Amino acid sequence: MRLLKTLSMAASLLFVQTAAAQNPAISTQYSNEEIAQAIKTYKASHSRDVTPPANLQQKFLTDFPKAHSVEWEAANDIYEVEFDVKFRDFKAFYDSKGALMMIVEEIYRSELPAVVRNVAESKYPKYDFEDIDKIQRGTETFYKIEMERGEVEVKLVVKSDGAIIEERVDY
């Protein structure tokens, strides 16, 4: 029984590492600030479902060859594509020329860097982790963490070094 449990844990860890290791590199064409502004403008716009141009579809398939359940939206020359890879939710943001600007990947609590997990747990010690996204934007990586305790919900955005850059508590 103990061996079976150990093998199961090892297989889960391998699955998690394999899924996380497949992300392509973010384009260095834009600064972190330019990407943040472009995504902010996109999210404030009314995006619509689209079929992207062939060159953009090809770039996406090259970046994420195992993607399925793919859905595209666009606004202001930014394309957002939602998809799954190995039972994991993703979003990728491209410019109209195919430069990959940002990746949002749903991850497990166990995949959080220790410093990020420790910040969240020490700030909200009796809260349950609900949803966690790893966000790679430009040269930055940060984590959006949603936590709950009863009727109270907390949303944290934490840099990979543990610095909290956004915090919201909803009662």
N, C-alpha and C. Protein backbone atom coordinates (compact mmCIF):
# COMPACT_ATOMS: atom_id res chain seq x y z
N MET A 1 0.82 -1.19 0.00
CA MET A 1 0.00 0.00 0.00
C MET A 1 0.87 1.25 0.00
N ARG A 2 1.91 1.23 0.82
CA ARG A 2 2.81 2.38 0.91
C ARG A 2 3.52 2.61 -0.42
N LEU A 3 3.96 1.55 -1.07
CA LEU A 3 4.62 1.66 -2.37
C LEU A 3 3.67 2.22 -3.41
N LEU A 4 2.43 1.76 -3.39
CA LEU A 4 1.43 2.26 -4.34
C LEU A 4 1.18 3.75 -4.14
N LYS A 5 1.10 4.18 -2.90
CA LYS A 5 0.90 5.60 -2.60
C LYS A 5 2.10 6.42 -3.07
N THR A 6 3.31 5.92 -2.86
CA THR A 6 4.52 6.62 -3.30
C THR A 6 4.56 6.72 -4.81
N LEU A 7 4.23 5.63 -5.51
CA LEU A 7 4.21 5.65 -6.97
C LEU A 7 3.17 6.61 -7.50
N SER A 8 2.01 6.64 -6.85
CA SER A 8 0.95 7.55 -7.26
C SER A 8 1.38 9.01 -7.09
N MET A 9 2.04 9.32 -5.98
CA MET A 9 2.52 10.68 -5.75
C MET A 9 3.58 11.05 -6.77
N ALA A 10 4.48 10.12 -7.09
CA ALA A 10 5.53 10.39 -8.08
C ALA A 10 4.93 10.63 -9.45
N ALA A 11 3.92 9.85 -9.82
CA ALA A 11 3.26 10.04 -11.11
C ALA A 11 2.56 11.38 -11.17
N SER A 12 1.91 11.80 -10.08
CA SER A 12 1.24 13.10 -10.03
C SER A 12 2.25 14.23 -10.18
N LEU A 13 3.39 14.11 -9.49
CA LEU A 13 4.42 15.13 -9.58
C LEU A 13 4.98 15.21 -10.99
N LEU A 14 5.21 14.07 -11.63
CA LEU A 14 5.71 14.04 -13.00
C LEU A 14 4.71 14.69 -13.94
N PHE A 15 3.42 14.40 -13.76
CA PHE A 15 2.38 15.00 -14.58
C PHE A 15 2.38 16.51 -14.42
N VAL A 16 2.48 16.99 -13.19
CA VAL A 16 2.47 18.42 -12.92
C VAL A 16 3.70 19.07 -13.55
N GLN A 17 4.89 18.47 -13.38
CA GLN A 17 6.10 19.05 -13.95
C GLN A 17 6.05 19.04 -15.47
N THR A 18 5.55 17.99 -16.08
CA THR A 18 5.45 17.90 -17.52
C THR A 18 4.51 18.96 -18.06
N ALA A 19 3.36 19.12 -17.43
CA ALA A 19 2.39 20.12 -17.89
C ALA A 19 2.96 21.52 -17.76
N ALA A 20 3.65 21.80 -16.67
CA ALA A 20 4.16 23.14 -16.44
C ALA A 20 5.36 23.46 -17.33
N ALA A 21 6.11 22.47 -17.75
CA ALA A 21 7.33 22.69 -18.50
C ALA A 21 7.11 22.99 -19.97
N GLN A 22 5.89 22.94 -20.46
CA GLN A 22 5.65 23.06 -21.88
C GLN A 22 5.38 24.49 -22.36
N ASN A 23 5.40 25.46 -21.50
CA ASN A 23 5.08 26.81 -21.93
C ASN A 23 6.18 27.39 -22.81
N PRO A 24 5.79 28.00 -23.93
CA PRO A 24 6.78 28.65 -24.80
C PRO A 24 7.25 29.97 -24.19
N ALA A 25 8.30 30.52 -24.76
CA ALA A 25 8.85 31.79 -24.28
C ALA A 25 7.95 32.95 -24.69
N ILE A 26 7.84 33.91 -23.80
CA ILE A 26 7.11 35.14 -24.08
C ILE A 26 8.00 36.01 -24.98
N SER A 27 7.38 36.69 -25.91
CA SER A 27 8.11 37.59 -26.81
C SER A 27 8.81 38.70 -26.01
N THR A 28 9.99 39.07 -26.44
CA THR A 28 10.71 40.18 -25.82
C THR A 28 10.53 41.47 -26.62
N GLN A 29 9.63 41.45 -27.54
CA GLN A 29 9.36 42.59 -28.42
C GLN A 29 8.79 43.79 -27.66
N TYR A 30 8.08 43.53 -26.57
CA TYR A 30 7.42 44.57 -25.80
C TYR A 30 7.97 44.62 -24.38
N SER A 31 7.92 45.81 -23.77
CA SER A 31 8.30 45.93 -22.36
C SER A 31 7.15 45.39 -21.50
N ASN A 32 7.46 45.13 -20.24
CA ASN A 32 6.42 44.66 -19.31
C ASN A 32 5.29 45.67 -19.21
N GLU A 33 5.63 46.94 -19.20
CA GLU A 33 4.62 48.00 -19.10
C GLU A 33 3.74 48.04 -20.34
N GLU A 34 4.35 47.89 -21.52
CA GLU A 34 3.57 47.90 -22.77
C GLU A 34 2.59 46.73 -22.81
N ILE A 35 3.05 45.56 -22.36
CA ILE A 35 2.16 44.39 -22.33
C ILE A 35 1.03 44.62 -21.34
N ALA A 36 1.37 45.11 -20.15
CA ALA A 36 0.33 45.35 -19.14
C ALA A 36 -0.72 46.33 -19.66
N GLN A 37 -0.28 47.37 -20.33
CA GLN A 37 -1.23 48.35 -20.86
C GLN A 37 -2.08 47.75 -21.99
N ALA A 38 -1.46 46.99 -22.88
CA ALA A 38 -2.21 46.37 -23.99
C ALA A 38 -3.26 45.40 -23.45
N ILE A 39 -2.92 44.60 -22.44
CA ILE A 39 -3.87 43.64 -21.87
C ILE A 39 -4.98 44.39 -21.12
N LYS A 40 -4.63 45.46 -20.41
CA LYS A 40 -5.63 46.26 -19.70
C LYS A 40 -6.63 46.86 -20.70
N THR A 41 -6.12 47.40 -21.80
CA THR A 41 -6.99 47.97 -22.84
C THR A 41 -7.87 46.89 -23.45
N TYR A 42 -7.29 45.73 -23.71
CA TYR A 42 -8.05 44.61 -24.27
C TYR A 42 -9.20 44.22 -23.33
N LYS A 43 -8.90 44.07 -22.05
CA LYS A 43 -9.92 43.64 -21.09
C LYS A 43 -11.02 44.68 -20.89
N ALA A 44 -10.71 45.96 -21.13
CA ALA A 44 -11.71 47.01 -21.01
C ALA A 44 -12.57 47.11 -22.26
N SER A 45 -12.15 46.45 -23.33
CA SER A 45 -12.89 46.49 -24.60
C SER A 45 -13.92 45.38 -24.65
N HIS A 46 -14.76 45.45 -25.66
CA HIS A 46 -15.73 44.39 -25.88
C HIS A 46 -15.14 43.43 -26.90
N SER A 47 -14.49 42.38 -26.39
CA SER A 47 -13.92 41.40 -27.31
C SER A 47 -15.04 40.58 -27.93
N ARG A 48 -14.72 39.96 -29.05
CA ARG A 48 -15.72 39.14 -29.72
C ARG A 48 -15.05 37.84 -30.19
N ASP A 49 -15.87 36.82 -30.33
CA ASP A 49 -15.37 35.54 -30.84
C ASP A 49 -14.89 35.74 -32.26
N VAL A 50 -13.74 35.17 -32.58
CA VAL A 50 -13.17 35.32 -33.92
C VAL A 50 -12.52 34.03 -34.38
N THR A 51 -12.29 33.97 -35.66
CA THR A 51 -11.39 32.99 -36.24
C THR A 51 -10.13 33.78 -36.58
N PRO A 52 -9.02 33.45 -35.95
CA PRO A 52 -7.81 34.24 -36.16
C PRO A 52 -7.22 34.01 -37.54
N PRO A 53 -6.36 34.92 -38.00
CA PRO A 53 -5.68 34.72 -39.28
C PRO A 53 -4.84 33.44 -39.24
N ALA A 54 -4.59 32.87 -40.40
CA ALA A 54 -3.87 31.59 -40.50
C ALA A 54 -2.49 31.66 -39.85
N ASN A 55 -1.77 32.77 -40.02
CA ASN A 55 -0.43 32.87 -39.44
C ASN A 55 -0.48 32.83 -37.91
N LEU A 56 -1.52 33.42 -37.33
CA LEU A 56 -1.66 33.42 -35.87
C LEU A 56 -2.06 32.04 -35.37
N GLN A 57 -2.95 31.38 -36.09
CA GLN A 57 -3.32 30.01 -35.72
C GLN A 57 -2.10 29.09 -35.77
N GLN A 58 -1.27 29.25 -36.79
CA GLN A 58 -0.07 28.41 -36.93
C GLN A 58 0.90 28.67 -35.78
N LYS A 59 1.09 29.95 -35.42
CA LYS A 59 1.98 30.29 -34.31
C LYS A 59 1.48 29.66 -33.02
N PHE A 60 0.17 29.75 -32.78
CA PHE A 60 -0.43 29.14 -31.60
C PHE A 60 -0.19 27.63 -31.58
N LEU A 61 -0.42 26.97 -32.71
CA LEU A 61 -0.23 25.51 -32.78
C LEU A 61 1.23 25.12 -32.56
N THR A 62 2.14 25.98 -32.99
CA THR A 62 3.56 25.74 -32.74
C THR A 62 3.87 25.91 -31.25
N ASP A 63 3.30 26.95 -30.65
CA ASP A 63 3.54 27.22 -29.22
C ASP A 63 2.89 26.19 -28.30
N PHE A 64 1.69 25.75 -28.67
CA PHE A 64 0.91 24.83 -27.82
C PHE A 64 0.38 23.66 -28.65
N PRO A 65 1.25 22.76 -29.08
CA PRO A 65 0.82 21.69 -29.99
C PRO A 65 -0.18 20.71 -29.40
N LYS A 66 -0.29 20.64 -28.08
CA LYS A 66 -1.21 19.69 -27.45
C LYS A 66 -2.50 20.35 -26.97
N ALA A 67 -2.74 21.58 -27.42
CA ALA A 67 -3.93 22.31 -27.00
C ALA A 67 -5.19 21.70 -27.60
N HIS A 68 -6.26 21.73 -26.81
CA HIS A 68 -7.58 21.32 -27.31
C HIS A 68 -8.62 22.21 -26.66
N SER A 69 -9.87 22.11 -27.12
CA SER A 69 -10.96 22.97 -26.66
C SER A 69 -10.58 24.44 -26.80
N VAL A 70 -10.15 24.80 -27.98
CA VAL A 70 -9.59 26.13 -28.27
C VAL A 70 -10.71 27.11 -28.63
N GLU A 71 -10.68 28.30 -27.99
CA GLU A 71 -11.64 29.37 -28.29
C GLU A 71 -10.89 30.69 -28.38
N TRP A 72 -11.15 31.43 -29.46
CA TRP A 72 -10.47 32.70 -29.72
C TRP A 72 -11.41 33.88 -29.54
N GLU A 73 -10.87 34.98 -29.01
CA GLU A 73 -11.55 36.27 -28.94
C GLU A 73 -10.53 37.34 -29.32
N ALA A 74 -11.03 38.49 -29.79
CA ALA A 74 -10.11 39.57 -30.17
C ALA A 74 -10.74 40.93 -29.93
N ALA A 75 -9.88 41.90 -29.69
CA ALA A 75 -10.25 43.32 -29.60
C ALA A 75 -8.94 44.11 -29.62
N ASN A 76 -8.96 45.26 -30.26
CA ASN A 76 -7.80 46.17 -30.26
C ASN A 76 -6.49 45.49 -30.67
N ASP A 77 -6.53 44.65 -31.68
CA ASP A 77 -5.34 43.95 -32.18
C ASP A 77 -4.70 43.00 -31.17
N ILE A 78 -5.45 42.61 -30.14
CA ILE A 78 -4.99 41.60 -29.18
C ILE A 78 -5.91 40.40 -29.33
N TYR A 79 -5.29 39.22 -29.39
CA TYR A 79 -6.03 37.97 -29.51
C TYR A 79 -5.85 37.18 -28.21
N GLU A 80 -6.97 36.78 -27.64
CA GLU A 80 -6.96 35.93 -26.45
C GLU A 80 -7.45 34.55 -26.87
N VAL A 81 -6.68 33.54 -26.50
CA VAL A 81 -7.09 32.18 -26.82
C VAL A 81 -7.16 31.38 -25.51
N GLU A 82 -8.33 30.79 -25.26
CA GLU A 82 -8.53 29.92 -24.10
C GLU A 82 -8.46 28.49 -24.59
N PHE A 83 -7.78 27.64 -23.82
CA PHE A 83 -7.60 26.25 -24.24
C PHE A 83 -7.21 25.39 -23.05
N ASP A 84 -7.19 24.10 -23.29
CA ASP A 84 -6.78 23.12 -22.29
C ASP A 84 -5.58 22.35 -22.81
N VAL A 85 -4.70 21.99 -21.90
CA VAL A 85 -3.61 21.07 -22.18
C VAL A 85 -3.55 20.11 -21.00
N LYS A 86 -3.75 18.84 -21.26
CA LYS A 86 -3.69 17.82 -20.20
C LYS A 86 -4.52 18.21 -18.98
N PHE A 87 -5.79 18.49 -19.18
CA PHE A 87 -6.74 18.78 -18.10
C PHE A 87 -6.39 20.06 -17.32
N ARG A 88 -5.68 20.96 -17.94
CA ARG A 88 -5.28 22.20 -17.30
C ARG A 88 -5.74 23.37 -18.16
N ASP A 89 -6.34 24.39 -17.51
CA ASP A 89 -6.84 25.56 -18.23
C ASP A 89 -5.72 26.57 -18.49
N PHE A 90 -5.73 27.13 -19.69
CA PHE A 90 -4.76 28.14 -20.10
C PHE A 90 -5.47 29.28 -20.80
N LYS A 91 -4.81 30.43 -20.81
CA LYS A 91 -5.13 31.54 -21.69
C LYS A 91 -3.80 32.05 -22.22
N ALA A 92 -3.79 32.42 -23.49
CA ALA A 92 -2.60 33.03 -24.07
C ALA A 92 -3.05 34.29 -24.80
N PHE A 93 -2.22 35.31 -24.76
CA PHE A 93 -2.53 36.57 -25.41
C PHE A 93 -1.45 36.86 -26.46
N TYR A 94 -1.88 37.13 -27.68
CA TYR A 94 -0.99 37.41 -28.81
C TYR A 94 -1.33 38.78 -29.39
N ASP A 95 -0.32 39.40 -30.01
CA ASP A 95 -0.64 40.57 -30.82
C ASP A 95 -1.03 40.09 -32.20
N SER A 96 -1.43 40.99 -33.06
CA SER A 96 -1.94 40.59 -34.39
C SER A 96 -0.86 39.99 -35.29
N LYS A 97 0.41 40.18 -34.92
CA LYS A 97 1.51 39.61 -35.73
C LYS A 97 1.99 38.27 -35.19
N GLY A 98 1.42 37.84 -34.06
CA GLY A 98 1.76 36.53 -33.51
C GLY A 98 2.76 36.55 -32.37
N ALA A 99 3.08 37.73 -31.84
CA ALA A 99 3.99 37.79 -30.68
C ALA A 99 3.21 37.37 -29.43
N LEU A 100 3.72 36.37 -28.73
CA LEU A 100 3.10 35.88 -27.49
C LEU A 100 3.44 36.87 -26.38
N MET A 101 2.40 37.48 -25.79
CA MET A 101 2.58 38.53 -24.80
C MET A 101 2.41 38.05 -23.36
N MET A 102 1.48 37.11 -23.16
CA MET A 102 1.17 36.68 -21.79
C MET A 102 0.55 35.29 -21.81
N ILE A 103 0.87 34.51 -20.78
CA ILE A 103 0.28 33.19 -20.58
C ILE A 103 -0.30 33.15 -19.17
N VAL A 104 -1.53 32.68 -19.05
CA VAL A 104 -2.17 32.47 -17.75
C VAL A 104 -2.45 30.97 -17.66
N GLU A 105 -1.91 30.35 -16.64
CA GLU A 105 -2.03 28.89 -16.47
C GLU A 105 -2.60 28.59 -15.09
N GLU A 106 -3.67 27.83 -15.06
CA GLU A 106 -4.22 27.39 -13.78
C GLU A 106 -3.27 26.35 -13.19
N ILE A 107 -2.89 26.55 -11.92
CA ILE A 107 -1.96 25.63 -11.27
C ILE A 107 -2.53 25.15 -9.94
N TYR A 108 -1.84 24.17 -9.37
CA TYR A 108 -2.21 23.62 -8.07
C TYR A 108 -1.43 24.34 -6.96
N ARG A 109 -1.97 24.33 -5.77
CA ARG A 109 -1.33 24.93 -4.60
C ARG A 109 0.09 24.40 -4.43
N SER A 110 0.27 23.11 -4.66
CA SER A 110 1.59 22.49 -4.50
C SER A 110 2.63 23.01 -5.50
N GLU A 111 2.17 23.69 -6.55
CA GLU A 111 3.09 24.23 -7.56
C GLU A 111 3.51 25.66 -7.27
N LEU A 112 2.88 26.29 -6.27
CA LEU A 112 3.29 27.64 -5.91
C LEU A 112 4.71 27.63 -5.36
N PRO A 113 5.52 28.62 -5.72
CA PRO A 113 6.83 28.72 -5.05
C PRO A 113 6.61 28.88 -3.55
N ALA A 114 7.49 28.31 -2.76
CA ALA A 114 7.33 28.32 -1.30
C ALA A 114 7.15 29.73 -0.77
N VAL A 115 7.91 30.69 -1.27
CA VAL A 115 7.81 32.06 -0.77
C VAL A 115 6.42 32.65 -1.03
N VAL A 116 5.83 32.35 -2.17
CA VAL A 116 4.49 32.85 -2.50
C VAL A 116 3.44 32.18 -1.63
N ARG A 117 3.53 30.87 -1.50
CA ARG A 117 2.59 30.13 -0.66
C ARG A 117 2.68 30.59 0.79
N ASN A 118 3.91 30.79 1.28
CA ASN A 118 4.10 31.22 2.67
C ASN A 118 3.51 32.60 2.93
N VAL A 119 3.64 33.52 1.96
CA VAL A 119 3.06 34.86 2.11
C VAL A 119 1.55 34.76 2.23
N ALA A 120 0.92 33.99 1.34
CA ALA A 120 -0.54 33.85 1.36
C ALA A 120 -1.01 33.18 2.65
N GLU A 121 -0.33 32.11 3.05
CA GLU A 121 -0.74 31.38 4.25
C GLU A 121 -0.51 32.18 5.53
N SER A 122 0.55 32.98 5.59
CA SER A 122 0.80 33.76 6.80
C SER A 122 -0.15 34.96 6.88
N LYS A 123 -0.51 35.53 5.76
CA LYS A 123 -1.43 36.67 5.74
C LYS A 123 -2.87 36.22 6.03
N TYR A 124 -3.25 35.04 5.53
CA TYR A 124 -4.60 34.49 5.69
C TYR A 124 -4.49 33.03 6.13
N PRO A 125 -4.12 32.79 7.41
CA PRO A 125 -3.77 31.45 7.87
C PRO A 125 -4.87 30.40 7.85
N LYS A 126 -6.10 30.76 8.00
CA LYS A 126 -7.15 29.75 8.08
C LYS A 126 -8.04 29.74 6.83
N TYR A 127 -7.52 30.25 5.73
CA TYR A 127 -8.26 30.32 4.48
C TYR A 127 -7.89 29.14 3.59
N ASP A 128 -8.86 28.70 2.79
CA ASP A 128 -8.63 27.63 1.83
C ASP A 128 -8.27 28.23 0.47
N PHE A 129 -7.30 27.63 -0.20
CA PHE A 129 -6.95 28.04 -1.55
C PHE A 129 -8.04 27.53 -2.49
N GLU A 130 -8.58 28.40 -3.32
CA GLU A 130 -9.65 28.02 -4.25
C GLU A 130 -9.13 27.93 -5.69
N ASP A 131 -8.68 29.05 -6.24
CA ASP A 131 -8.17 29.09 -7.61
C ASP A 131 -6.81 29.77 -7.59
N ILE A 132 -5.89 29.23 -8.40
CA ILE A 132 -4.55 29.81 -8.48
C ILE A 132 -4.15 29.86 -9.95
N ASP A 133 -3.70 31.03 -10.39
CA ASP A 133 -3.19 31.20 -11.74
C ASP A 133 -1.75 31.66 -11.69
N LYS A 134 -0.93 31.03 -12.51
CA LYS A 134 0.44 31.50 -12.74
C LYS A 134 0.37 32.37 -13.98
N ILE A 135 0.87 33.59 -13.88
CA ILE A 135 0.80 34.54 -14.98
C ILE A 135 2.21 34.91 -15.40
N GLN A 136 2.52 34.65 -16.65
CA GLN A 136 3.81 35.03 -17.22
C GLN A 136 3.52 36.15 -18.22
N ARG A 137 4.05 37.34 -17.91
CA ARG A 137 3.80 38.52 -18.73
C ARG A 137 5.14 39.21 -18.94
N GLY A 138 5.59 39.28 -20.18
CA GLY A 138 6.90 39.86 -20.44
C GLY A 138 7.96 39.07 -19.70
N THR A 139 8.75 39.76 -18.90
CA THR A 139 9.79 39.08 -18.11
C THR A 139 9.33 38.79 -16.69
N GLU A 140 8.06 39.09 -16.37
CA GLU A 140 7.54 38.93 -15.02
C GLU A 140 6.74 37.63 -14.88
N THR A 141 6.82 37.06 -13.69
CA THR A 141 5.94 35.95 -13.32
C THR A 141 5.30 36.31 -11.99
N PHE A 142 3.99 36.20 -11.94
CA PHE A 142 3.29 36.43 -10.69
C PHE A 142 2.12 35.47 -10.59
N TYR A 143 1.50 35.45 -9.40
CA TYR A 143 0.47 34.48 -9.10
C TYR A 143 -0.78 35.18 -8.59
N LYS A 144 -1.92 34.83 -9.18
CA LYS A 144 -3.21 35.33 -8.71
C LYS A 144 -3.83 34.21 -7.88
N ILE A 145 -4.05 34.48 -6.62
CA ILE A 145 -4.51 33.48 -5.67
C ILE A 145 -5.87 33.90 -5.11
N GLU A 146 -6.84 33.03 -5.24
CA GLU A 146 -8.16 33.26 -4.65
C GLU A 146 -8.31 32.30 -3.47
N MET A 147 -8.66 32.87 -2.31
CA MET A 147 -8.79 32.10 -1.08
C MET A 147 -10.15 32.38 -0.46
N GLU A 148 -10.65 31.44 0.34
CA GLU A 148 -11.95 31.58 0.99
C GLU A 148 -11.89 31.09 2.43
N ARG A 149 -12.72 31.73 3.23
CA ARG A 149 -12.99 31.24 4.59
C ARG A 149 -14.41 31.65 4.89
N GLY A 150 -15.31 30.68 4.87
CA GLY A 150 -16.73 30.97 5.05
C GLY A 150 -17.22 31.83 3.90
N GLU A 151 -17.80 32.98 4.23
CA GLU A 151 -18.34 33.89 3.22
C GLU A 151 -17.31 34.91 2.74
N VAL A 152 -16.13 34.92 3.33
CA VAL A 152 -15.11 35.91 2.99
C VAL A 152 -14.20 35.35 1.89
N GLU A 153 -14.03 36.16 0.84
CA GLU A 153 -13.14 35.79 -0.27
C GLU A 153 -11.99 36.79 -0.34
N VAL A 154 -10.80 36.27 -0.59
CA VAL A 154 -9.61 37.09 -0.72
C VAL A 154 -9.00 36.83 -2.09
N LYS A 155 -8.58 37.91 -2.73
CA LYS A 155 -7.85 37.79 -4.00
C LYS A 155 -6.52 38.48 -3.82
N LEU A 156 -5.45 37.72 -4.01
CA LEU A 156 -4.08 38.24 -3.91
C LEU A 156 -3.40 38.10 -5.25
N VAL A 157 -2.57 39.07 -5.57
CA VAL A 157 -1.64 38.93 -6.70
C VAL A 157 -0.26 39.12 -6.08
N VAL A 158 0.58 38.08 -6.25
CA VAL A 158 1.87 38.04 -5.58
C VAL A 158 2.97 37.79 -6.60
N LYS A 159 4.02 38.60 -6.55
CA LYS A 159 5.18 38.38 -7.42
C LYS A 159 5.90 37.11 -6.99
N SER A 160 6.71 36.58 -7.87
CA SER A 160 7.42 35.34 -7.54
C SER A 160 8.41 35.51 -6.39
N ASP A 161 8.75 36.76 -6.04
CA ASP A 161 9.63 37.00 -4.89
C ASP A 161 8.86 37.15 -3.58
N GLY A 162 7.51 37.05 -3.64
CA GLY A 162 6.68 37.13 -2.45
C GLY A 162 6.07 38.50 -2.18
N ALA A 163 6.38 39.48 -3.00
CA ALA A 163 5.80 40.82 -2.81
C ALA A 163 4.34 40.82 -3.27
N ILE A 164 3.45 41.29 -2.40
CA ILE A 164 2.04 41.40 -2.73
C ILE A 164 1.86 42.67 -3.57
N ILE A 165 1.29 42.53 -4.77
CA ILE A 165 1.09 43.71 -5.61
C ILE A 165 -0.39 44.09 -5.73
N GLU A 166 -1.26 43.20 -5.28
CA GLU A 166 -2.69 43.52 -5.24
C GLU A 166 -3.34 42.65 -4.19
N GLU A 167 -4.29 43.23 -3.47
CA GLU A 167 -5.01 42.50 -2.42
C GLU A 167 -6.43 43.03 -2.33
N ARG A 168 -7.39 42.14 -2.35
CA ARG A 168 -8.79 42.54 -2.22
C ARG A 168 -9.52 41.51 -1.36
N VAL A 169 -10.27 42.01 -0.37
CA VAL A 169 -11.06 41.16 0.51
C VAL A 169 -12.53 41.50 0.27
N ASP A 170 -13.34 40.49 -0.04
CA ASP A 170 -14.78 40.67 -0.24
C ASP A 170 -15.53 39.96 0.88
N TYR A 171 -16.39 40.71 1.57
CA TYR A 171 -17.17 40.15 2.66
C TYR A 171 -18.56 39.79 2.21
